[in-house]
Amino acid sequence: MSKLEPGESPEQFVERLRRYLEKWRVMAGYEARYDSLKDMVLRYQYFLTCDKSLQTFLKEKGKLSLKEMTKASNDYYEAHGFPNGNQDKRSNGNGNKP
């Protein structure tokens, strides 16, 4: 996590964060559009919440879109079991049993 460096103004810090975000976007292969950026952030945040075994599984799949990642995660949970409290959840997010 980045922090304000000694001698750095808040404006300089925010500009540095902006450059980091742009570099991250380019390296991740996302377009410079709001929806693309939103998917990139959601994909990253979702990945951070996964347990290590699911993270490894997703990494093995290669670069996935957010939609592909959630589908692969659902497939993984159906094959290996859903985390406690999520047994009745499905990829449609409504929590209804099939």
PDB file of N, CA and C in Angstrom:
ATOM      1  N   MET A   1       0.844  -1.167   0.000  1.00  0.00           N
ATOM      2  CA  MET A   1       0.000   0.000   0.000  1.00  0.00           C
ATOM      3  C   MET A   1       0.893   1.235   0.000  1.00  0.00           C
ATOM      4  N   SER A   2       0.572   2.157  -0.849  1.00  0.00           N
ATOM      5  CA  SER A   2       1.343   3.393  -0.932  1.00  0.00           C
ATOM      6  C   SER A   2       0.941   4.351   0.176  1.00  0.00           C
ATOM      7  N   LYS A   3       1.907   5.144   0.579  1.00  0.00           N
ATOM      8  CA  LYS A   3       1.670   6.165   1.597  1.00  0.00           C
ATOM      9  C   LYS A   3       2.329   7.451   1.148  1.00  0.00           C
ATOM     10  N   LEU A   4       1.908   8.525   1.761  1.00  0.00           N
ATOM     11  CA  LEU A   4       2.507   9.829   1.510  1.00  0.00           C
ATOM     12  C   LEU A   4       3.978   9.764   1.902  1.00  0.00           C
ATOM     13  N   GLU A   5       4.860  10.070   0.959  1.00  0.00           N
ATOM     14  CA  GLU A   5       6.300  10.030   1.201  1.00  0.00           C
ATOM     15  C   GLU A   5       6.743  11.322   1.891  1.00  0.00           C
ATOM     16  N   PRO A   6       7.832  11.270   2.671  1.00  0.00           N
ATOM     17  CA  PRO A   6       8.354  12.498   3.275  1.00  0.00           C
ATOM     18  C   PRO A   6       8.653  13.537   2.194  1.00  0.00           C
ATOM     19  N   GLY A   7       8.198  14.756   2.407  1.00  0.00           N
ATOM     20  CA  GLY A   7       8.418  15.842   1.465  1.00  0.00           C
ATOM     21  C   GLY A   7       7.453  15.859   0.288  1.00  0.00           C
ATOM     22  N   GLU A   8       6.562  14.888   0.223  1.00  0.00           N
ATOM     23  CA  GLU A   8       5.598  14.807  -0.880  1.00  0.00           C
ATOM     24  C   GLU A   8       4.304  15.499  -0.472  1.00  0.00           C
ATOM     25  N   SER A   9       3.787  16.344  -1.344  1.00  0.00           N
ATOM     26  CA  SER A   9       2.518  17.019  -1.051  1.00  0.00           C
ATOM     27  C   SER A   9       1.364  16.063  -1.346  1.00  0.00           C
ATOM     28  N   PRO A  10       0.193  16.308  -0.770  1.00  0.00           N
ATOM     29  CA  PRO A  10      -0.965  15.464  -1.097  1.00  0.00           C
ATOM     30  C   PRO A  10      -1.245  15.430  -2.600  1.00  0.00           C
ATOM     31  N   GLU A  11      -1.079  16.561  -3.279  1.00  0.00           N
ATOM     32  CA  GLU A  11      -1.307  16.595  -4.726  1.00  0.00           C
ATOM     33  C   GLU A  11      -0.318  15.689  -5.459  1.00  0.00           C
ATOM     34  N   GLN A  12       0.938  15.702  -5.038  1.00  0.00           N
ATOM     35  CA  GLN A  12       1.949  14.846  -5.656  1.00  0.00           C
ATOM     36  C   GLN A  12       1.651  13.369  -5.382  1.00  0.00           C
ATOM     37  N   PHE A  13       1.217  13.073  -4.165  1.00  0.00           N
ATOM     38  CA  PHE A  13       0.872  11.712  -3.796  1.00  0.00           C
ATOM     39  C   PHE A  13      -0.276  11.189  -4.657  1.00  0.00           C
ATOM     40  N   VAL A  14      -1.320  11.982  -4.799  1.00  0.00           N
ATOM     41  CA  VAL A  14      -2.466  11.574  -5.618  1.00  0.00           C
ATOM     42  C   VAL A  14      -2.045  11.378  -7.071  1.00  0.00           C
ATOM     43  N   GLU A  15      -1.184  12.249  -7.571  1.00  0.00           N
ATOM     44  CA  GLU A  15      -0.698  12.091  -8.947  1.00  0.00           C
ATOM     45  C   GLU A  15       0.117  10.799  -9.091  1.00  0.00           C
ATOM     46  N   ARG A  16       0.907  10.474  -8.097  1.00  0.00           N
ATOM     47  CA  ARG A  16       1.675   9.220  -8.121  1.00  0.00           C
ATOM     48  C   ARG A  16       0.724   8.032  -8.122  1.00  0.00           C
ATOM     49  N   LEU A  17      -0.321   8.071  -7.288  1.00  0.00           N
ATOM     50  CA  LEU A  17      -1.322   7.008  -7.273  1.00  0.00           C
ATOM     51  C   LEU A  17      -2.016   6.890  -8.628  1.00  0.00           C
ATOM     52  N   ARG A  18      -2.291   8.036  -9.257  1.00  0.00           N
ATOM     53  CA  ARG A  18      -2.926   8.048 -10.572  1.00  0.00           C
ATOM     54  C   ARG A  18      -2.031   7.335 -11.604  1.00  0.00           C
ATOM     55  N   ARG A  19      -0.738   7.609 -11.542  1.00  0.00           N
ATOM     56  CA  ARG A  19       0.205   6.949 -12.464  1.00  0.00           C
ATOM     57  C   ARG A  19       0.263   5.448 -12.195  1.00  0.00           C
ATOM     58  N   TYR A  20       0.256   5.052 -10.916  1.00  0.00           N
ATOM     59  CA  TYR A  20       0.247   3.630 -10.574  1.00  0.00           C
ATOM     60  C   TYR A  20      -0.997   2.945 -11.148  1.00  0.00           C
ATOM     61  N   LEU A  21      -2.134   3.591 -10.983  1.00  0.00           N
ATOM     62  CA  LEU A  21      -3.388   3.031 -11.487  1.00  0.00           C
ATOM     63  C   LEU A  21      -3.335   2.874 -12.999  1.00  0.00           C
ATOM     64  N   GLU A  22      -2.840   3.885 -13.696  1.00  0.00           N
ATOM     65  CA  GLU A  22      -2.749   3.820 -15.152  1.00  0.00           C
ATOM     66  C   GLU A  22      -1.794   2.710 -15.585  1.00  0.00           C
ATOM     67  N   LYS A  23      -0.664   2.587 -14.902  1.00  0.00           N
ATOM     68  CA  LYS A  23       0.296   1.525 -15.226  1.00  0.00           C
ATOM     69  C   LYS A  23      -0.320   0.152 -14.979  1.00  0.00           C
ATOM     70  N   TRP A  24      -1.037   0.009 -13.870  1.00  0.00           N
ATOM     71  CA  TRP A  24      -1.716  -1.238 -13.534  1.00  0.00           C
ATOM     72  C   TRP A  24      -2.736  -1.577 -14.618  1.00  0.00           C
ATOM     73  N   ARG A  25      -3.513  -0.585 -15.058  1.00  0.00           N
ATOM     74  CA  ARG A  25      -4.528  -0.791 -16.084  1.00  0.00           C
ATOM     75  C   ARG A  25      -3.887  -1.292 -17.376  1.00  0.00           C
ATOM     76  N   VAL A  26      -2.819  -0.630 -17.793  1.00  0.00           N
ATOM     77  CA  VAL A  26      -2.138  -1.002 -19.038  1.00  0.00           C
ATOM     78  C   VAL A  26      -1.552  -2.414 -18.932  1.00  0.00           C
ATOM     79  N   MET A  27      -0.871  -2.687 -17.819  1.00  0.00           N
ATOM     80  CA  MET A  27      -0.249  -4.006 -17.635  1.00  0.00           C
ATOM     81  C   MET A  27      -1.300  -5.123 -17.569  1.00  0.00           C
ATOM     82  N   ALA A  28      -2.468  -4.812 -17.035  1.00  0.00           N
ATOM     83  CA  ALA A  28      -3.544  -5.803 -16.931  1.00  0.00           C
ATOM     84  C   ALA A  28      -4.301  -5.963 -18.241  1.00  0.00           C
ATOM     85  N   GLY A  29      -4.057  -5.056 -19.198  1.00  0.00           N
ATOM     86  CA  GLY A  29      -4.685  -5.177 -20.512  1.00  0.00           C
ATOM     87  C   GLY A  29      -6.114  -4.674 -20.587  1.00  0.00           C
ATOM     88  N   TYR A  30      -6.492  -3.764 -19.714  1.00  0.00           N
ATOM     89  CA  TYR A  30      -7.844  -3.210 -19.738  1.00  0.00           C
ATOM     90  C   TYR A  30      -7.870  -1.895 -20.503  1.00  0.00           C
ATOM     91  N   GLU A  31      -9.004  -1.637 -21.148  1.00  0.00           N
ATOM     92  CA  GLU A  31      -9.185  -0.395 -21.882  1.00  0.00           C
ATOM     93  C   GLU A  31      -9.372   0.767 -20.919  1.00  0.00           C
ATOM     94  N   ALA A  32      -9.126   1.982 -21.417  1.00  0.00           N
ATOM     95  CA  ALA A  32      -9.276   3.190 -20.597  1.00  0.00           C
ATOM     96  C   ALA A  32     -10.728   3.668 -20.655  1.00  0.00           C
ATOM     97  N   ARG A  33     -11.625   2.819 -20.163  1.00  0.00           N
ATOM     98  CA  ARG A  33     -13.048   3.160 -20.068  1.00  0.00           C
ATOM     99  C   ARG A  33     -13.513   2.841 -18.658  1.00  0.00           C
ATOM    100  N   TYR A  34     -14.574   3.507 -18.234  1.00  0.00           N
ATOM    101  CA  TYR A  34     -15.074   3.311 -16.878  1.00  0.00           C
ATOM    102  C   TYR A  34     -15.440   1.849 -16.621  1.00  0.00           C
ATOM    103  N   ASP A  35     -16.210   1.228 -17.506  1.00  0.00           N
ATOM    104  CA  ASP A  35     -16.633  -0.153 -17.280  1.00  0.00           C
ATOM    105  C   ASP A  35     -15.449  -1.106 -17.201  1.00  0.00           C
ATOM    106  N   SER A  36     -14.463  -0.871 -18.031  1.00  0.00           N
ATOM    107  CA  SER A  36     -13.275  -1.702 -18.034  1.00  0.00           C
ATOM    108  C   SER A  36     -12.499  -1.541 -16.724  1.00  0.00           C
ATOM    109  N   LEU A  37     -12.342  -0.302 -16.294  1.00  0.00           N
ATOM    110  CA  LEU A  37     -11.645  -0.033 -15.038  1.00  0.00           C
ATOM    111  C   LEU A  37     -12.407  -0.626 -13.856  1.00  0.00           C
ATOM    112  N   LYS A  38     -13.722  -0.489 -13.880  1.00  0.00           N
ATOM    113  CA  LYS A  38     -14.554  -1.050 -12.816  1.00  0.00           C
ATOM    114  C   LYS A  38     -14.372  -2.567 -12.742  1.00  0.00           C
ATOM    115  N   ASP A  39     -14.385  -3.253 -13.884  1.00  0.00           N
ATOM    116  CA  ASP A  39     -14.177  -4.696 -13.892  1.00  0.00           C
ATOM    117  C   ASP A  39     -12.801  -5.068 -13.365  1.00  0.00           C
ATOM    118  N   MET A  40     -11.795  -4.284 -13.725  1.00  0.00           N
ATOM    119  CA  MET A  40     -10.438  -4.560 -13.263  1.00  0.00           C
ATOM    120  C   MET A  40     -10.364  -4.485 -11.732  1.00  0.00           C
ATOM    121  N   VAL A  41     -10.949  -3.449 -11.149  1.00  0.00           N
ATOM    122  CA  VAL A  41     -10.923  -3.282  -9.697  1.00  0.00           C
ATOM    123  C   VAL A  41     -11.743  -4.372  -9.013  1.00  0.00           C
ATOM    124  N   LEU A  42     -12.936  -4.657  -9.538  1.00  0.00           N
ATOM    125  CA  LEU A  42     -13.773  -5.704  -8.945  1.00  0.00           C
ATOM    126  C   LEU A  42     -13.091  -7.066  -9.030  1.00  0.00           C
ATOM    127  N   ARG A  43     -12.449  -7.356 -10.153  1.00  0.00           N
ATOM    128  CA  ARG A  43     -11.740  -8.614 -10.336  1.00  0.00           C
ATOM    129  C   ARG A  43     -10.629  -8.745  -9.289  1.00  0.00           C
ATOM    130  N   TYR A  44      -9.874  -7.691  -9.112  1.00  0.00           N
ATOM    131  CA  TYR A  44      -8.779  -7.690  -8.145  1.00  0.00           C
ATOM    132  C   TYR A  44      -9.313  -7.863  -6.716  1.00  0.00           C
ATOM    133  N   GLN A  45     -10.351  -7.112  -6.372  1.00  0.00           N
ATOM    134  CA  GLN A  45     -10.914  -7.207  -5.027  1.00  0.00           C
ATOM    135  C   GLN A  45     -11.493  -8.589  -4.773  1.00  0.00           C
ATOM    136  N   TYR A  46     -12.183  -9.148  -5.761  1.00  0.00           N
ATOM    137  CA  TYR A  46     -12.736 -10.494  -5.604  1.00  0.00           C
ATOM    138  C   TYR A  46     -11.603 -11.498  -5.365  1.00  0.00           C
ATOM    139  N   PHE A  47     -10.560 -11.408  -6.175  1.00  0.00           N
ATOM    140  CA  PHE A  47      -9.434 -12.339  -6.057  1.00  0.00           C
ATOM    141  C   PHE A  47      -8.829 -12.293  -4.655  1.00  0.00           C
ATOM    142  N   LEU A  48      -8.693 -11.089  -4.096  1.00  0.00           N
ATOM    143  CA  LEU A  48      -8.111 -10.958  -2.757  1.00  0.00           C
ATOM    144  C   LEU A  48      -8.947 -11.645  -1.682  1.00  0.00           C
ATOM    145  N   THR A  49     -10.242 -11.799  -1.909  1.00  0.00           N
ATOM    146  CA  THR A  49     -11.119 -12.408  -0.905  1.00  0.00           C
ATOM    147  C   THR A  49     -11.127 -13.927  -0.985  1.00  0.00           C
ATOM    148  N   CYS A  50     -10.608 -14.490  -2.076  1.00  0.00           N
ATOM    149  CA  CYS A  50     -10.620 -15.945  -2.267  1.00  0.00           C
ATOM    150  C   CYS A  50      -9.612 -16.624  -1.353  1.00  0.00           C
ATOM    151  N   ASP A  51      -9.953 -17.851  -0.956  1.00  0.00           N
ATOM    152  CA  ASP A  51      -8.957 -18.615  -0.198  1.00  0.00           C
ATOM    153  C   ASP A  51      -7.831 -19.020  -1.140  1.00  0.00           C
ATOM    154  N   LYS A  52      -6.729 -19.438  -0.558  1.00  0.00           N
ATOM    155  CA  LYS A  52      -5.509 -19.717  -1.335  1.00  0.00           C
ATOM    156  C   LYS A  52      -5.729 -20.789  -2.403  1.00  0.00           C
ATOM    157  N   SER A  53      -6.497 -21.818  -2.098  1.00  0.00           N
ATOM    158  CA  SER A  53      -6.693 -22.885  -3.085  1.00  0.00           C
ATOM    159  C   SER A  53      -7.474 -22.372  -4.295  1.00  0.00           C
ATOM    160  N   LEU A  54      -8.464 -21.526  -4.076  1.00  0.00           N
ATOM    161  CA  LEU A  54      -9.208 -20.950  -5.198  1.00  0.00           C
ATOM    162  C   LEU A  54      -8.337 -19.956  -5.958  1.00  0.00           C
ATOM    163  N   GLN A  55      -7.528 -19.186  -5.259  1.00  0.00           N
ATOM    164  CA  GLN A  55      -6.608 -18.270  -5.945  1.00  0.00           C
ATOM    165  C   GLN A  55      -5.677 -19.043  -6.871  1.00  0.00           C
ATOM    166  N   THR A  56      -5.145 -20.159  -6.383  1.00  0.00           N
ATOM    167  CA  THR A  56      -4.256 -20.983  -7.198  1.00  0.00           C
ATOM    168  C   THR A  56      -4.993 -21.516  -8.422  1.00  0.00           C
ATOM    169  N   PHE A  57      -6.204 -22.011  -8.221  1.00  0.00           N
ATOM    170  CA  PHE A  57      -7.024 -22.514  -9.317  1.00  0.00           C
ATOM    171  C   PHE A  57      -7.248 -21.424 -10.373  1.00  0.00           C
ATOM    172  N   LEU A  58      -7.581 -20.218  -9.923  1.00  0.00           N
ATOM    173  CA  LEU A  58      -7.836 -19.124 -10.858  1.00  0.00           C
ATOM    174  C   LEU A  58      -6.566 -18.712 -11.592  1.00  0.00           C
ATOM    175  N   LYS A  59      -5.436 -18.705 -10.894  1.00  0.00           N
ATOM    176  CA  LYS A  59      -4.165 -18.387 -11.549  1.00  0.00           C
ATOM    177  C   LYS A  59      -3.840 -19.418 -12.627  1.00  0.00           C
ATOM    178  N   GLU A  60      -4.120 -20.684 -12.334  1.00  0.00           N
ATOM    179  CA  GLU A  60      -3.854 -21.745 -13.303  1.00  0.00           C
ATOM    180  C   GLU A  60      -4.690 -21.587 -14.567  1.00  0.00           C
ATOM    181  N   LYS A  61      -5.833 -20.943 -14.449  1.00  0.00           N
ATOM    182  CA  LYS A  61      -6.709 -20.723 -15.602  1.00  0.00           C
ATOM    183  C   LYS A  61      -6.168 -19.653 -16.538  1.00  0.00           C
ATOM    184  N   GLY A  62      -5.208 -18.863 -16.081  1.00  0.00           N
ATOM    185  CA  GLY A  62      -4.679 -17.773 -16.899  1.00  0.00           C
ATOM    186  C   GLY A  62      -5.520 -16.523 -16.740  1.00  0.00           C
ATOM    187  N   LYS A  63      -5.295 -15.575 -17.627  1.00  0.00           N
ATOM    188  CA  LYS A  63      -6.004 -14.294 -17.535  1.00  0.00           C
ATOM    189  C   LYS A  63      -7.483 -14.495 -17.847  1.00  0.00           C
ATOM    190  N   LEU A  64      -8.314 -14.194 -16.870  1.00  0.00           N
ATOM    191  CA  LEU A  64      -9.760 -14.337 -17.008  1.00  0.00           C
ATOM    192  C   LEU A  64     -10.428 -12.980 -16.844  1.00  0.00           C
ATOM    193  N   SER A  65     -11.509 -12.789 -17.550  1.00  0.00           N
ATOM    194  CA  SER A  65     -12.332 -11.602 -17.319  1.00  0.00           C
ATOM    195  C   SER A  65     -13.055 -11.788 -15.984  1.00  0.00           C
ATOM    196  N   LEU A  66     -13.677 -10.744 -15.496  1.00  0.00           N
ATOM    197  CA  LEU A  66     -14.433 -10.833 -14.246  1.00  0.00           C
ATOM    198  C   LEU A  66     -15.531 -11.885 -14.377  1.00  0.00           C
ATOM    199  N   LYS A  67     -16.238 -11.876 -15.483  1.00  0.00           N
ATOM    200  CA  LYS A  67     -17.319 -12.849 -15.701  1.00  0.00           C
ATOM    201  C   LYS A  67     -16.763 -14.268 -15.747  1.00  0.00           C
ATOM    202  N   GLU A  68     -15.651 -14.464 -16.450  1.00  0.00           N
ATOM    203  CA  GLU A  68     -15.020 -15.782 -16.523  1.00  0.00           C
ATOM    204  C   GLU A  68     -14.512 -16.226 -15.150  1.00  0.00           C
ATOM    205  N   MET A  69     -13.991 -15.276 -14.379  1.00  0.00           N
ATOM    206  CA  MET A  69     -13.472 -15.594 -13.053  1.00  0.00           C
ATOM    207  C   MET A  69     -14.590 -16.047 -12.122  1.00  0.00           C
ATOM    208  N   THR A  70     -15.716 -15.362 -12.161  1.00  0.00           N
ATOM    209  CA  THR A  70     -16.820 -15.752 -11.274  1.00  0.00           C
ATOM    210  C   THR A  70     -17.412 -17.086 -11.711  1.00  0.00           C
ATOM    211  N   LYS A  71     -17.466 -17.345 -13.013  1.00  0.00           N
ATOM    212  CA  LYS A  71     -17.960 -18.636 -13.516  1.00  0.00           C
ATOM    213  C   LYS A  71     -17.013 -19.754 -13.090  1.00  0.00           C
ATOM    214  N   ALA A  72     -15.700 -19.539 -13.270  1.00  0.00           N
ATOM    215  CA  ALA A  72     -14.714 -20.546 -12.869  1.00  0.00           C
ATOM    216  C   ALA A  72     -14.780 -20.789 -11.359  1.00  0.00           C
ATOM    217  N   SER A  73     -14.980 -19.739 -10.587  1.00  0.00           N
ATOM    218  CA  SER A  73     -15.083 -19.879  -9.128  1.00  0.00           C
ATOM    219  C   SER A  73     -16.305 -20.699  -8.759  1.00  0.00           C
ATOM    220  N   ASN A  74     -17.414 -20.430  -9.416  1.00  0.00           N
ATOM    221  CA  ASN A  74     -18.633 -21.188  -9.148  1.00  0.00           C
ATOM    222  C   ASN A  74     -18.422 -22.661  -9.492  1.00  0.00           C
ATOM    223  N   ASP A  75     -17.794 -22.927 -10.640  1.00  0.00           N
ATOM    224  CA  ASP A  75     -17.496 -24.313 -11.034  1.00  0.00           C
ATOM    225  C   ASP A  75     -16.602 -24.990  -9.995  1.00  0.00           C
ATOM    226  N   TYR A  76     -15.601 -24.250  -9.515  1.00  0.00           N
ATOM    227  CA  TYR A  76     -14.682 -24.773  -8.498  1.00  0.00           C
ATOM    228  C   TYR A  76     -15.462 -25.142  -7.229  1.00  0.00           C
ATOM    229  N   TYR A  77     -16.327 -24.232  -6.774  1.00  0.00           N
ATOM    230  CA  TYR A  77     -17.089 -24.497  -5.557  1.00  0.00           C
ATOM    231  C   TYR A  77     -18.065 -25.655  -5.743  1.00  0.00           C
ATOM    232  N   GLU A  78     -18.649 -25.778  -6.924  1.00  0.00           N
ATOM    233  CA  GLU A  78     -19.556 -26.902  -7.157  1.00  0.00           C
ATOM    234  C   GLU A  78     -18.798 -28.231  -7.123  1.00  0.00           C
ATOM    235  N   ALA A  79     -17.546 -28.223  -7.579  1.00  0.00           N
ATOM    236  CA  ALA A  79     -16.733 -29.438  -7.575  1.00  0.00           C
ATOM    237  C   ALA A  79     -16.111 -29.733  -6.212  1.00  0.00           C
ATOM    238  N   HIS A  80     -15.736 -28.700  -5.474  1.00  0.00           N
ATOM    239  CA  HIS A  80     -14.995 -28.870  -4.215  1.00  0.00           C
ATOM    240  C   HIS A  80     -15.805 -28.537  -2.972  1.00  0.00           C
ATOM    241  N   GLY A  81     -16.991 -28.008  -3.158  1.00  0.00           N
ATOM    242  CA  GLY A  81     -17.825 -27.616  -2.033  1.00  0.00           C
ATOM    243  C   GLY A  81     -17.750 -26.117  -1.792  1.00  0.00           C
ATOM    244  N   PHE A  82     -18.897 -25.534  -1.512  1.00  0.00           N
ATOM    245  CA  PHE A  82     -18.976 -24.101  -1.227  1.00  0.00           C
ATOM    246  C   PHE A  82     -18.478 -23.833   0.190  1.00  0.00           C
ATOM    247  N   PRO A  83     -17.949 -22.634   0.437  1.00  0.00           N
ATOM    248  CA  PRO A  83     -17.548 -22.285   1.808  1.00  0.00           C
ATOM    249  C   PRO A  83     -18.753 -22.364   2.740  1.00  0.00           C
ATOM    250  N   ASN A  84     -18.503 -22.554   4.015  1.00  0.00           N
ATOM    251  CA  ASN A  84     -19.594 -22.622   4.997  1.00  0.00           C
ATOM    252  C   ASN A  84     -20.521 -21.434   4.857  1.00  0.00           C
ATOM    253  N   GLY A  85     -21.816 -21.714   4.860  1.00  0.00           N
ATOM    254  CA  GLY A  85     -22.822 -20.660   4.759  1.00  0.00           C
ATOM    255  C   GLY A  85     -23.172 -20.282   3.330  1.00  0.00           C
ATOM    256  N   ASN A  86     -22.468 -20.834   2.339  1.00  0.00           N
ATOM    257  CA  ASN A  86     -22.725 -20.482   0.945  1.00  0.00           C
ATOM    258  C   ASN A  86     -23.191 -21.690   0.133  1.00  0.00           C
ATOM    259  N   GLN A  87     -23.585 -22.753   0.775  1.00  0.00           N
ATOM    260  CA  GLN A  87     -23.915 -23.977   0.059  1.00  0.00           C
ATOM    261  C   GLN A  87     -25.067 -23.801  -0.931  1.00  0.00           C
ATOM    262  N   ASP A  88     -26.001 -22.904  -0.646  1.00  0.00           N
ATOM    263  CA  ASP A  88     -27.157 -22.751  -1.520  1.00  0.00           C
ATOM    264  C   ASP A  88     -26.988 -21.637  -2.540  1.00  0.00           C
ATOM    265  N   LYS A  89     -25.841 -21.004  -2.589  1.00  0.00           N
ATOM    266  CA  LYS A  89     -25.621 -19.885  -3.509  1.00  0.00           C
ATOM    267  C   LYS A  89     -25.280 -20.412  -4.892  1.00  0.00           C
ATOM    268  N   ARG A  90     -25.683 -19.693  -5.901  1.00  0.00           N
ATOM    269  CA  ARG A  90     -25.349 -20.013  -7.282  1.00  0.00           C
ATOM    270  C   ARG A  90     -24.851 -18.751  -7.951  1.00  0.00           C
ATOM    271  N   SER A  91     -24.285 -18.886  -9.138  1.00  0.00           N
ATOM    272  CA  SER A  91     -23.654 -17.748  -9.825  1.00  0.00           C
ATOM    273  C   SER A  91     -24.622 -16.632 -10.144  1.00  0.00           C
ATOM    274  N   ASN A  92     -25.939 -16.886 -10.127  1.00  0.00           N
ATOM    275  CA  ASN A  92     -26.882 -15.806 -10.410  1.00  0.00           C
ATOM    276  C   ASN A  92     -27.053 -14.870  -9.228  1.00  0.00           C
ATOM    277  N   GLY A  93     -26.508 -15.251  -8.067  1.00  0.00           N
ATOM    278  CA  GLY A  93     -26.474 -14.368  -6.918  1.00  0.00           C
ATOM    279  C   GLY A  93     -27.766 -14.232  -6.160  1.00  0.00           C
ATOM    280  N   ASN A  94     -28.805 -14.960  -6.546  1.00  0.00           N
ATOM    281  CA  ASN A  94     -30.076 -14.765  -5.841  1.00  0.00           C
ATOM    282  C   ASN A  94     -30.232 -15.667  -4.627  1.00  0.00           C
ATOM    283  N   GLY A  95     -29.325 -16.626  -4.458  1.00  0.00           N
ATOM    284  CA  GLY A  95     -29.348 -17.457  -3.273  1.00  0.00           C
ATOM    285  C   GLY A  95     -30.448 -18.493  -3.272  1.00  0.00           C
ATOM    286  N   ASN A  96     -31.232 -18.615  -4.321  1.00  0.00           N
ATOM    287  CA  ASN A  96     -32.286 -19.610  -4.397  1.00  0.00           C
ATOM    288  C   ASN A  96     -31.706 -20.966  -4.753  1.00  0.00           C
ATOM    289  N   LYS A  97     -32.319 -21.992  -4.228  1.00  0.00           N
ATOM    290  CA  LYS A  97     -31.877 -23.339  -4.597  1.00  0.00           C
ATOM    291  C   LYS A  97     -32.335 -23.613  -6.012  1.00  0.00           C
ATOM    292  N   PRO A  98     -31.549 -24.409  -6.753  1.00  0.00           N
ATOM    293  CA  PRO A  98     -31.933 -24.723  -8.141  1.00  0.00           C
ATOM    294  C   PRO A  98     -33.161 -25.585  -8.213  1.00  0.00           C
TER     295      PRO A  98
END
